C-alpha cells in the first residue's frame, strides 16, 4: 500500500506536468498503482541486475570455463552491458511517462523526454559522485550519516530531472 502511494505521488506529479485536469477515479487509480508497483519494481530490478551482475557473471564464467577473454573482448562486453542497461533504463522511464499519467499519448510523444532524462541522469550521477567524493566535506560534518545525506542529495537531483523530462515532453507536444 505504501509503495502504491509512491506510485500515486509519481502519477500526481506527471498529471501536473502534463496539465491533466480530471484524474481517474480513486479506486481504479489505487488498483492500477498496486499492479504497477510490481511491474515497475521488476523492471528496475532487471536494469540493475544487468548493469551490475552481468559483468561479474562474465568474470566468473571465464574463470570456471577456462575460456580466455582478451582485454578487447572484455571491454566490448562491458560496454555492451553498459549500453544495454542504459537502453533498458530508457524503456522503463518511457513506460513511466506513457503509463502513469491519466492521459492518452503515443510512445513517440514520451520518447524525447525519456531520452533527455537518461542522458541527464547518467551525467548527474557522475557529477554527484564526483562532488561527494572530491569536493564535499559531508563526512566531516555529518560523520556516519554522510552516506544517508549523499543518498538524499542523489535522489533529489534524480527526481528533479525526472519531473523536468515530463515537463519537456509536455512543452514539446504543445509546440507541435
Protein backbone atom coordinates (compact mmCIF):
# COMPACT_ATOMS: atom_id res chain seq x y z
CA UNK A 1 0.00 0.00 0.00
CA UNK A 2 2.82 2.39 0.86
CA UNK A 3 4.63 1.66 -2.39
CA UNK A 4 1.43 2.22 -4.34
CA UNK A 5 1.19 5.59 -2.61
CA UNK A 6 4.62 6.41 -4.04
CA UNK A 7 3.34 5.47 -7.49
CA UNK A 8 0.31 7.69 -6.86
CA UNK A 9 2.68 10.53 -5.98
CA UNK A 10 4.54 9.97 -9.27
CA UNK A 11 1.20 9.87 -11.09
CA UNK A 12 0.20 13.14 -9.43
CA UNK A 13 3.48 14.81 -10.44
CA UNK A 14 3.15 13.58 -14.01
CA UNK A 15 -0.51 14.65 -14.16
CA UNK A 16 0.56 18.14 -13.11
CA UNK A 17 3.41 18.16 -15.62
CA UNK A 18 1.04 17.12 -18.41
CA UNK A 19 -1.70 19.53 -17.21
CA UNK A 20 -4.29 16.80 -16.61
CA UNK A 21 -7.46 18.34 -15.18
CA UNK A 22 -9.50 15.19 -14.39
CA UNK A 23 -7.68 12.21 -12.93
CA UNK A 24 -9.15 8.71 -12.99
CA UNK A 25 -11.44 7.52 -10.17
CA UNK A 26 -9.68 6.82 -6.85
CA UNK A 27 -10.31 3.06 -6.59
CA UNK A 28 -9.19 2.45 -10.17
CA UNK A 29 -6.01 4.51 -9.58
CA UNK A 30 -5.14 2.55 -6.43
CA UNK A 31 -5.64 -0.82 -8.12
CA UNK A 32 -3.53 0.29 -11.05
CA UNK A 33 -0.86 1.58 -8.67
CA UNK A 34 -0.62 -1.72 -6.81
CA UNK A 35 -0.19 -3.60 -10.09
CA UNK A 36 2.27 -1.05 -11.40
CA UNK A 37 4.37 -1.33 -8.24
CA UNK A 38 5.07 -4.96 -9.05
CA UNK A 39 5.73 -4.34 -12.74
CA UNK A 40 7.94 -1.29 -12.20
CA UNK A 41 9.87 -2.96 -9.38
CA UNK A 42 10.74 -5.95 -11.53
CA UNK A 43 11.68 -3.64 -14.43
CA UNK A 44 14.06 -1.56 -12.33
CA UNK A 45 15.47 -4.70 -10.75
CA UNK A 46 16.19 -6.08 -14.22
CA UNK A 47 18.05 -2.87 -15.17
CA UNK A 48 20.15 -3.02 -12.01
CA UNK A 49 20.88 -6.72 -12.43
CA UNK A 50 22.09 -6.25 -15.99
CA UNK A 51 24.23 -3.26 -15.08
CA UNK A 52 25.85 -4.84 -12.02
CA UNK A 53 25.68 -8.62 -12.23
CA UNK A 54 26.31 -9.20 -15.93
CA UNK A 55 29.98 -8.09 -15.85
CA UNK A 56 30.53 -10.03 -12.61
CA UNK A 57 28.91 -13.11 -14.12
CA UNK A 58 31.09 -12.73 -17.19
CA UNK A 59 34.21 -12.79 -15.00
CA UNK A 60 33.05 -15.91 -13.14
CA UNK A 61 32.21 -17.60 -16.42
CA UNK A 62 35.71 -17.02 -17.74
CA UNK A 63 37.26 -18.32 -14.52
CA UNK A 64 35.28 -21.56 -14.43
CA UNK A 65 35.16 -22.40 -18.14
CA UNK A 66 38.78 -21.58 -18.85
CA UNK A 67 37.90 -19.58 -21.92
CA UNK A 68 40.37 -16.76 -22.22
CA UNK A 69 38.75 -13.43 -22.89
CA UNK A 70 41.08 -10.79 -24.18
CA UNK A 71 41.01 -7.28 -22.81
CA UNK A 72 39.41 -6.10 -26.05
CA UNK A 73 36.60 -8.65 -25.68
CA UNK A 74 36.16 -7.72 -22.04
CA UNK A 75 35.99 -4.04 -22.92
CA UNK A 76 33.46 -4.77 -25.68
CA UNK A 77 31.25 -6.84 -23.38
CA UNK A 78 31.43 -4.29 -20.56
CA UNK A 79 30.50 -1.52 -22.99
CA UNK A 80 27.69 -3.67 -24.39
CA UNK A 81 26.25 -4.32 -20.92
CA UNK A 82 26.50 -0.63 -20.05
CA UNK A 83 24.60 0.46 -23.16
CA UNK A 84 22.11 -2.37 -22.75
CA UNK A 85 21.38 -1.21 -19.19
CA UNK A 86 21.03 2.39 -20.40
CA UNK A 87 18.58 1.30 -23.11
CA UNK A 88 16.59 -0.68 -20.52
CA UNK A 89 16.54 2.42 -18.30
CA UNK A 90 15.22 4.41 -21.25
CA UNK A 91 12.45 1.84 -21.71
CA UNK A 92 11.49 1.95 -18.04
CA UNK A 93 11.37 5.77 -17.95
CA UNK A 94 9.41 5.93 -21.21
CA UNK A 95 6.99 3.40 -19.74
CA UNK A 96 6.60 5.58 -16.63
CA UNK A 97 5.80 8.58 -18.82
CA UNK A 98 3.45 6.55 -21.00
CA UNK A 99 1.51 4.57 -18.36
CA UNK A 100 1.34 6.72 -15.24
CA UNK A 101 -0.31 10.00 -16.37
CA UNK A 102 -4.08 9.99 -16.80
CA UNK A 103 -3.91 10.95 -20.47
CA UNK A 104 -3.63 9.05 -23.73
CA UNK A 105 -0.42 9.68 -25.62
CA UNK A 106 1.82 7.87 -28.06
CA UNK A 107 5.15 6.31 -27.21
CA UNK A 108 6.85 8.74 -29.59
CA UNK A 109 5.46 11.67 -27.58
CA UNK A 110 7.22 10.46 -24.41
CA UNK A 111 10.48 9.29 -26.02
CA UNK A 112 12.25 12.69 -26.21
CA UNK A 113 11.76 13.41 -22.51
CA UNK A 114 12.78 9.87 -21.57
CA UNK A 115 15.96 10.20 -23.64
CA UNK A 116 16.70 13.55 -22.03
CA UNK A 117 16.18 12.06 -18.57
CA UNK A 118 18.54 9.15 -19.27
CA UNK A 119 21.29 11.47 -20.52
CA UNK A 120 20.83 13.87 -17.60
CA UNK A 121 20.62 11.02 -15.04
CA UNK A 122 23.88 9.47 -16.22
CA UNK A 123 25.57 12.88 -16.26
CA UNK A 124 24.14 13.94 -12.92
CA UNK A 125 25.07 10.63 -11.28
CA UNK A 126 28.67 11.16 -12.36
CA UNK A 127 28.63 14.78 -11.14
CA UNK A 128 27.04 13.98 -7.77
CA UNK A 129 29.50 11.14 -7.29
CA UNK A 130 32.42 13.41 -8.13
CA UNK A 131 31.10 16.12 -5.82
CA UNK A 132 30.59 13.78 -2.88
CA UNK A 133 33.96 12.07 -3.36
CA UNK A 134 36.19 15.05 -4.06
CA UNK A 135 34.61 18.39 -3.22
CA UNK A 136 32.27 17.83 -0.32
CA UNK A 137 33.09 17.70 3.37
CA UNK A 138 29.87 15.88 4.20
CA UNK A 139 31.67 13.16 6.16
CA UNK A 140 33.44 15.77 8.29
CA UNK A 141 30.19 17.49 9.14
CA UNK A 142 27.75 14.59 9.46
CA UNK A 143 30.05 11.66 10.26
CA UNK A 144 28.34 8.31 9.85
CA UNK A 145 25.19 9.95 8.45
CA UNK A 146 27.08 11.20 5.40
CA UNK A 147 26.00 8.20 3.31
CA UNK A 148 22.38 8.95 4.09
CA UNK A 149 22.86 12.64 3.24
CA UNK A 150 24.58 11.71 -0.04
CA UNK A 151 21.73 9.36 -0.92
CA UNK A 152 19.16 12.09 -0.24
CA UNK A 153 21.08 14.53 -2.45
CA UNK A 154 21.28 11.92 -5.21
CA UNK A 155 17.55 11.12 -5.08
CA UNK A 156 16.64 14.82 -5.02
CA UNK A 157 18.66 15.50 -8.17
CA UNK A 158 17.24 12.42 -9.93
CA UNK A 159 13.65 13.39 -9.06
CA UNK A 160 14.10 16.94 -10.34
CA UNK A 161 15.43 15.56 -13.61
CA UNK A 162 12.52 13.09 -13.85
CA UNK A 163 9.98 15.92 -13.45
CA UNK A 164 11.91 18.07 -15.92
CA UNK A 165 11.66 15.28 -18.54
CA UNK A 166 7.86 15.19 -18.17
CA UNK A 167 7.68 18.98 -18.46
CA UNK A 168 9.89 18.77 -21.55
CA UNK A 169 7.53 16.22 -23.14
CA UNK A 170 4.50 18.38 -22.40
CA UNK A 171 6.08 21.54 -23.82
CA UNK A 172 7.25 19.65 -26.86
CA UNK A 173 3.71 18.36 -27.57
CA UNK A 174 2.26 21.86 -27.06
CA UNK A 175 4.72 23.29 -29.58
CA UNK A 176 3.87 20.63 -32.18
